[in-house]
Amino acid sequence: MVERDETGGEPALVQNEGALRFFDTAPEASKIPHRKSLCYDEEASLNRKRNPPTGNVVTAAEKLGAHLLDEEDYLFLQSVGDFDLKCSC
């Protein structure tokens, strides 16, 4: 948790279905330098020849001990507040 905060994330404790969970609530991940120009995984990184990415989110999350959100969690987080406002999705 401390590392997420130190790397520019905005960790927050959020209640979801009766359980307390930590989410990164940074409004725009693209404003955090090491989170720019990332592909989803290593395979996507290797296949992107033009404008190669600086890394991938799967590896970055593993280094932080974090889990990527599935669609259900992503939609839940969007219902709580304005997060991830600028993405290429």
N, C-alpha and C. Protein backbone atom coordinates (compact mmCIF):
# COMPACT_ATOMS: atom_id res chain seq x y z
N MET A 1 0.82 -1.18 0.00
CA MET A 1 0.00 0.00 0.00
C MET A 1 0.87 1.26 0.00
N VAL A 2 1.89 1.24 0.79
CA VAL A 2 2.79 2.39 0.86
C VAL A 2 3.45 2.63 -0.50
N GLU A 3 3.87 1.53 -1.15
CA GLU A 3 4.52 1.67 -2.45
C GLU A 3 3.57 2.26 -3.48
N ARG A 4 2.31 1.88 -3.45
CA ARG A 4 1.33 2.46 -4.38
C ARG A 4 1.23 3.95 -4.16
N ASP A 5 1.21 4.37 -2.92
CA ASP A 5 1.14 5.79 -2.61
C ASP A 5 2.42 6.50 -3.06
N GLU A 6 3.56 5.89 -2.79
CA GLU A 6 4.84 6.50 -3.15
C GLU A 6 5.06 6.57 -4.65
N THR A 7 4.40 5.72 -5.43
CA THR A 7 4.58 5.72 -6.88
C THR A 7 3.52 6.55 -7.58
N GLY A 8 2.78 7.35 -6.83
CA GLY A 8 1.83 8.27 -7.45
C GLY A 8 0.39 7.81 -7.46
N GLY A 9 0.14 6.63 -6.94
CA GLY A 9 -1.23 6.16 -6.87
C GLY A 9 -1.98 6.86 -5.75
N GLU A 10 -3.28 6.68 -5.72
CA GLU A 10 -4.10 7.26 -4.67
C GLU A 10 -4.94 6.15 -4.05
N PRO A 11 -4.30 5.32 -3.21
CA PRO A 11 -5.03 4.21 -2.61
C PRO A 11 -6.13 4.70 -1.66
N ALA A 12 -7.26 4.04 -1.73
CA ALA A 12 -8.39 4.40 -0.86
C ALA A 12 -9.10 3.12 -0.43
N LEU A 13 -9.60 3.15 0.78
CA LEU A 13 -10.36 2.03 1.31
C LEU A 13 -11.83 2.26 0.95
N VAL A 14 -12.42 1.29 0.25
CA VAL A 14 -13.79 1.43 -0.24
C VAL A 14 -14.59 0.20 0.18
N GLN A 15 -15.83 0.43 0.62
CA GLN A 15 -16.69 -0.70 0.98
C GLN A 15 -17.39 -1.20 -0.27
N ASN A 16 -17.28 -2.50 -0.52
CA ASN A 16 -17.88 -3.13 -1.69
C ASN A 16 -18.52 -4.44 -1.26
N GLU A 17 -19.83 -4.51 -1.36
CA GLU A 17 -20.59 -5.71 -0.98
C GLU A 17 -20.25 -6.16 0.44
N GLY A 18 -20.18 -5.22 1.34
CA GLY A 18 -19.95 -5.53 2.74
C GLY A 18 -18.50 -5.75 3.12
N ALA A 19 -17.61 -5.77 2.15
CA ALA A 19 -16.18 -5.98 2.42
C ALA A 19 -15.43 -4.68 2.17
N LEU A 20 -14.38 -4.46 2.93
CA LEU A 20 -13.52 -3.30 2.72
C LEU A 20 -12.39 -3.71 1.78
N ARG A 21 -12.19 -2.92 0.72
CA ARG A 21 -11.16 -3.24 -0.26
C ARG A 21 -10.39 -1.97 -0.60
N PHE A 22 -9.13 -2.15 -0.95
CA PHE A 22 -8.31 -1.03 -1.40
C PHE A 22 -8.40 -0.92 -2.91
N PHE A 23 -8.62 0.29 -3.40
CA PHE A 23 -8.61 0.59 -4.82
C PHE A 23 -7.67 1.77 -5.03
N ASP A 24 -7.06 1.83 -6.20
CA ASP A 24 -6.29 3.02 -6.57
C ASP A 24 -7.28 3.97 -7.21
N THR A 25 -7.48 5.11 -6.61
CA THR A 25 -8.51 6.04 -7.06
C THR A 25 -7.91 7.26 -7.77
N ALA A 26 -6.76 7.09 -8.41
CA ALA A 26 -6.16 8.18 -9.17
C ALA A 26 -7.10 8.58 -10.30
N PRO A 27 -7.44 9.86 -10.41
CA PRO A 27 -8.38 10.27 -11.46
C PRO A 27 -7.84 10.04 -12.86
N GLU A 28 -6.55 10.19 -13.06
CA GLU A 28 -5.95 9.98 -14.38
C GLU A 28 -4.59 9.31 -14.22
N ALA A 29 -4.55 8.02 -14.47
CA ALA A 29 -3.29 7.29 -14.36
C ALA A 29 -2.25 7.82 -15.34
N SER A 30 -2.71 8.39 -16.47
CA SER A 30 -1.76 8.87 -17.47
C SER A 30 -0.95 10.08 -16.99
N LYS A 31 -1.34 10.71 -15.89
CA LYS A 31 -0.57 11.83 -15.35
C LYS A 31 0.57 11.36 -14.44
N ILE A 32 0.62 10.06 -14.16
CA ILE A 32 1.67 9.49 -13.33
C ILE A 32 2.73 8.95 -14.29
N PRO A 33 3.94 9.53 -14.31
CA PRO A 33 4.94 9.22 -15.34
C PRO A 33 5.16 7.73 -15.63
N HIS A 34 5.34 6.90 -14.63
CA HIS A 34 5.63 5.49 -14.90
C HIS A 34 4.39 4.70 -15.35
N ARG A 35 3.23 5.33 -15.39
CA ARG A 35 2.02 4.66 -15.85
C ARG A 35 1.65 5.05 -17.27
N LYS A 36 2.47 5.85 -17.91
CA LYS A 36 2.21 6.24 -19.29
C LYS A 36 2.74 5.17 -20.23
N SER A 37 2.15 5.09 -21.38
CA SER A 37 2.64 4.23 -22.47
C SER A 37 2.81 2.78 -22.05
N LEU A 38 1.77 2.22 -21.46
CA LEU A 38 1.81 0.82 -21.07
C LEU A 38 0.84 0.01 -21.92
N CYS A 39 1.24 -1.20 -22.26
CA CYS A 39 0.34 -2.16 -22.89
C CYS A 39 -0.26 -3.02 -21.79
N TYR A 40 -1.23 -3.85 -22.16
CA TYR A 40 -1.86 -4.70 -21.16
C TYR A 40 -0.89 -5.75 -20.62
N ASP A 41 -0.24 -6.51 -21.49
CA ASP A 41 0.64 -7.58 -21.04
C ASP A 41 1.88 -7.66 -21.93
N GLU A 42 2.75 -8.60 -21.62
CA GLU A 42 4.02 -8.75 -22.34
C GLU A 42 3.77 -9.04 -23.83
N GLU A 43 2.81 -9.88 -24.13
CA GLU A 43 2.50 -10.22 -25.52
C GLU A 43 2.12 -8.96 -26.32
N ALA A 44 1.27 -8.14 -25.74
CA ALA A 44 0.88 -6.90 -26.41
C ALA A 44 2.08 -5.98 -26.59
N SER A 45 2.97 -5.95 -25.60
CA SER A 45 4.16 -5.11 -25.69
C SER A 45 5.06 -5.56 -26.85
N LEU A 46 5.22 -6.86 -26.99
CA LEU A 46 6.08 -7.38 -28.05
C LEU A 46 5.49 -7.17 -29.43
N ASN A 47 4.18 -7.14 -29.53
CA ASN A 47 3.51 -6.97 -30.83
C ASN A 47 3.38 -5.52 -31.26
N ARG A 48 3.70 -4.61 -30.39
CA ARG A 48 3.56 -3.19 -30.73
C ARG A 48 4.90 -2.65 -31.21
N LYS A 49 5.06 -2.57 -32.52
CA LYS A 49 6.34 -2.17 -33.10
C LYS A 49 6.51 -0.66 -33.17
N ARG A 50 5.46 0.06 -33.58
CA ARG A 50 5.53 1.53 -33.62
C ARG A 50 5.24 2.07 -32.23
N ASN A 51 5.98 3.07 -31.82
CA ASN A 51 5.79 3.67 -30.49
C ASN A 51 5.77 2.60 -29.40
N PRO A 52 6.86 1.86 -29.24
CA PRO A 52 6.88 0.78 -28.25
C PRO A 52 6.57 1.29 -26.84
N PRO A 53 5.84 0.50 -26.08
CA PRO A 53 5.47 0.90 -24.71
C PRO A 53 6.67 0.82 -23.77
N THR A 54 6.52 1.47 -22.63
CA THR A 54 7.57 1.43 -21.62
C THR A 54 7.45 0.19 -20.73
N GLY A 55 6.35 -0.52 -20.82
CA GLY A 55 6.12 -1.71 -20.02
C GLY A 55 4.70 -2.19 -20.21
N ASN A 56 4.24 -2.98 -19.25
CA ASN A 56 2.87 -3.47 -19.32
C ASN A 56 2.23 -3.48 -17.93
N VAL A 57 0.92 -3.38 -17.89
CA VAL A 57 0.22 -3.24 -16.62
C VAL A 57 0.22 -4.52 -15.80
N VAL A 58 0.24 -5.67 -16.45
CA VAL A 58 0.26 -6.93 -15.70
C VAL A 58 1.53 -7.01 -14.85
N THR A 59 2.68 -6.74 -15.46
CA THR A 59 3.94 -6.78 -14.73
C THR A 59 4.01 -5.69 -13.67
N ALA A 60 3.55 -4.48 -14.01
CA ALA A 60 3.56 -3.38 -13.05
C ALA A 60 2.71 -3.71 -11.82
N ALA A 61 1.55 -4.30 -12.04
CA ALA A 61 0.68 -4.67 -10.91
C ALA A 61 1.33 -5.74 -10.05
N GLU A 62 1.96 -6.72 -10.69
CA GLU A 62 2.64 -7.78 -9.93
C GLU A 62 3.74 -7.21 -9.05
N LYS A 63 4.49 -6.24 -9.57
CA LYS A 63 5.58 -5.62 -8.79
C LYS A 63 5.05 -4.90 -7.56
N LEU A 64 3.83 -4.37 -7.66
CA LEU A 64 3.23 -3.65 -6.54
C LEU A 64 2.45 -4.59 -5.61
N GLY A 65 2.31 -5.85 -6.02
CA GLY A 65 1.50 -6.78 -5.24
C GLY A 65 0.02 -6.47 -5.38
N ALA A 66 -0.35 -5.91 -6.52
CA ALA A 66 -1.74 -5.51 -6.77
C ALA A 66 -2.40 -6.46 -7.75
N HIS A 67 -3.70 -6.40 -7.80
CA HIS A 67 -4.48 -7.18 -8.76
C HIS A 67 -5.18 -6.21 -9.69
N LEU A 68 -5.26 -6.58 -10.96
CA LEU A 68 -5.98 -5.75 -11.91
C LEU A 68 -7.48 -5.91 -11.69
N LEU A 69 -8.21 -4.86 -11.95
CA LEU A 69 -9.66 -4.91 -11.81
C LEU A 69 -10.28 -5.72 -12.92
N ASP A 70 -11.30 -6.50 -12.58
CA ASP A 70 -12.10 -7.10 -13.63
C ASP A 70 -13.20 -6.10 -13.99
N GLU A 71 -14.01 -6.43 -14.98
CA GLU A 71 -15.02 -5.48 -15.44
C GLU A 71 -16.01 -5.10 -14.33
N GLU A 72 -16.40 -6.07 -13.52
CA GLU A 72 -17.34 -5.79 -12.43
C GLU A 72 -16.77 -4.79 -11.43
N ASP A 73 -15.51 -5.00 -11.03
CA ASP A 73 -14.87 -4.06 -10.09
C ASP A 73 -14.68 -2.69 -10.72
N TYR A 74 -14.32 -2.66 -12.00
CA TYR A 74 -14.13 -1.38 -12.68
C TYR A 74 -15.44 -0.59 -12.70
N LEU A 75 -16.52 -1.24 -13.05
CA LEU A 75 -17.82 -0.56 -13.10
C LEU A 75 -18.25 -0.12 -11.70
N PHE A 76 -17.97 -0.94 -10.69
CA PHE A 76 -18.27 -0.55 -9.31
C PHE A 76 -17.51 0.72 -8.95
N LEU A 77 -16.21 0.74 -9.23
CA LEU A 77 -15.39 1.89 -8.88
C LEU A 77 -15.89 3.15 -9.59
N GLN A 78 -16.31 3.01 -10.83
CA GLN A 78 -16.85 4.17 -11.56
C GLN A 78 -18.14 4.67 -10.92
N SER A 79 -18.89 3.80 -10.26
CA SER A 79 -20.13 4.23 -9.60
C SER A 79 -19.87 4.99 -8.31
N VAL A 80 -18.66 4.82 -7.75
CA VAL A 80 -18.30 5.46 -6.49
C VAL A 80 -17.78 6.88 -6.71
N GLY A 81 -17.12 7.11 -7.84
CA GLY A 81 -16.54 8.43 -8.09
C GLY A 81 -15.98 8.53 -9.48
N ASP A 82 -15.33 9.64 -9.76
CA ASP A 82 -14.75 9.89 -11.07
C ASP A 82 -13.28 9.48 -11.07
N PHE A 83 -13.01 8.28 -11.58
CA PHE A 83 -11.66 7.74 -11.63
C PHE A 83 -11.35 7.29 -13.04
N ASP A 84 -10.07 7.22 -13.38
CA ASP A 84 -9.65 6.76 -14.69
C ASP A 84 -10.37 7.55 -15.78
N LEU A 85 -10.28 8.86 -15.70
CA LEU A 85 -11.03 9.73 -16.60
C LEU A 85 -10.47 9.78 -18.01
N LYS A 86 -9.20 9.48 -18.16
CA LYS A 86 -8.59 9.56 -19.48
C LYS A 86 -7.86 8.25 -19.76
N CYS A 87 -8.42 7.47 -20.65
CA CYS A 87 -7.79 6.20 -21.00
C CYS A 87 -8.00 5.95 -22.48
N SER A 88 -7.32 4.97 -23.02
CA SER A 88 -7.45 4.68 -24.44
C SER A 88 -8.42 3.52 -24.67
N CYS A 89 -9.28 3.27 -23.71
CA CYS A 89 -10.21 2.16 -23.87
C CYS A 89 -11.50 2.60 -24.55
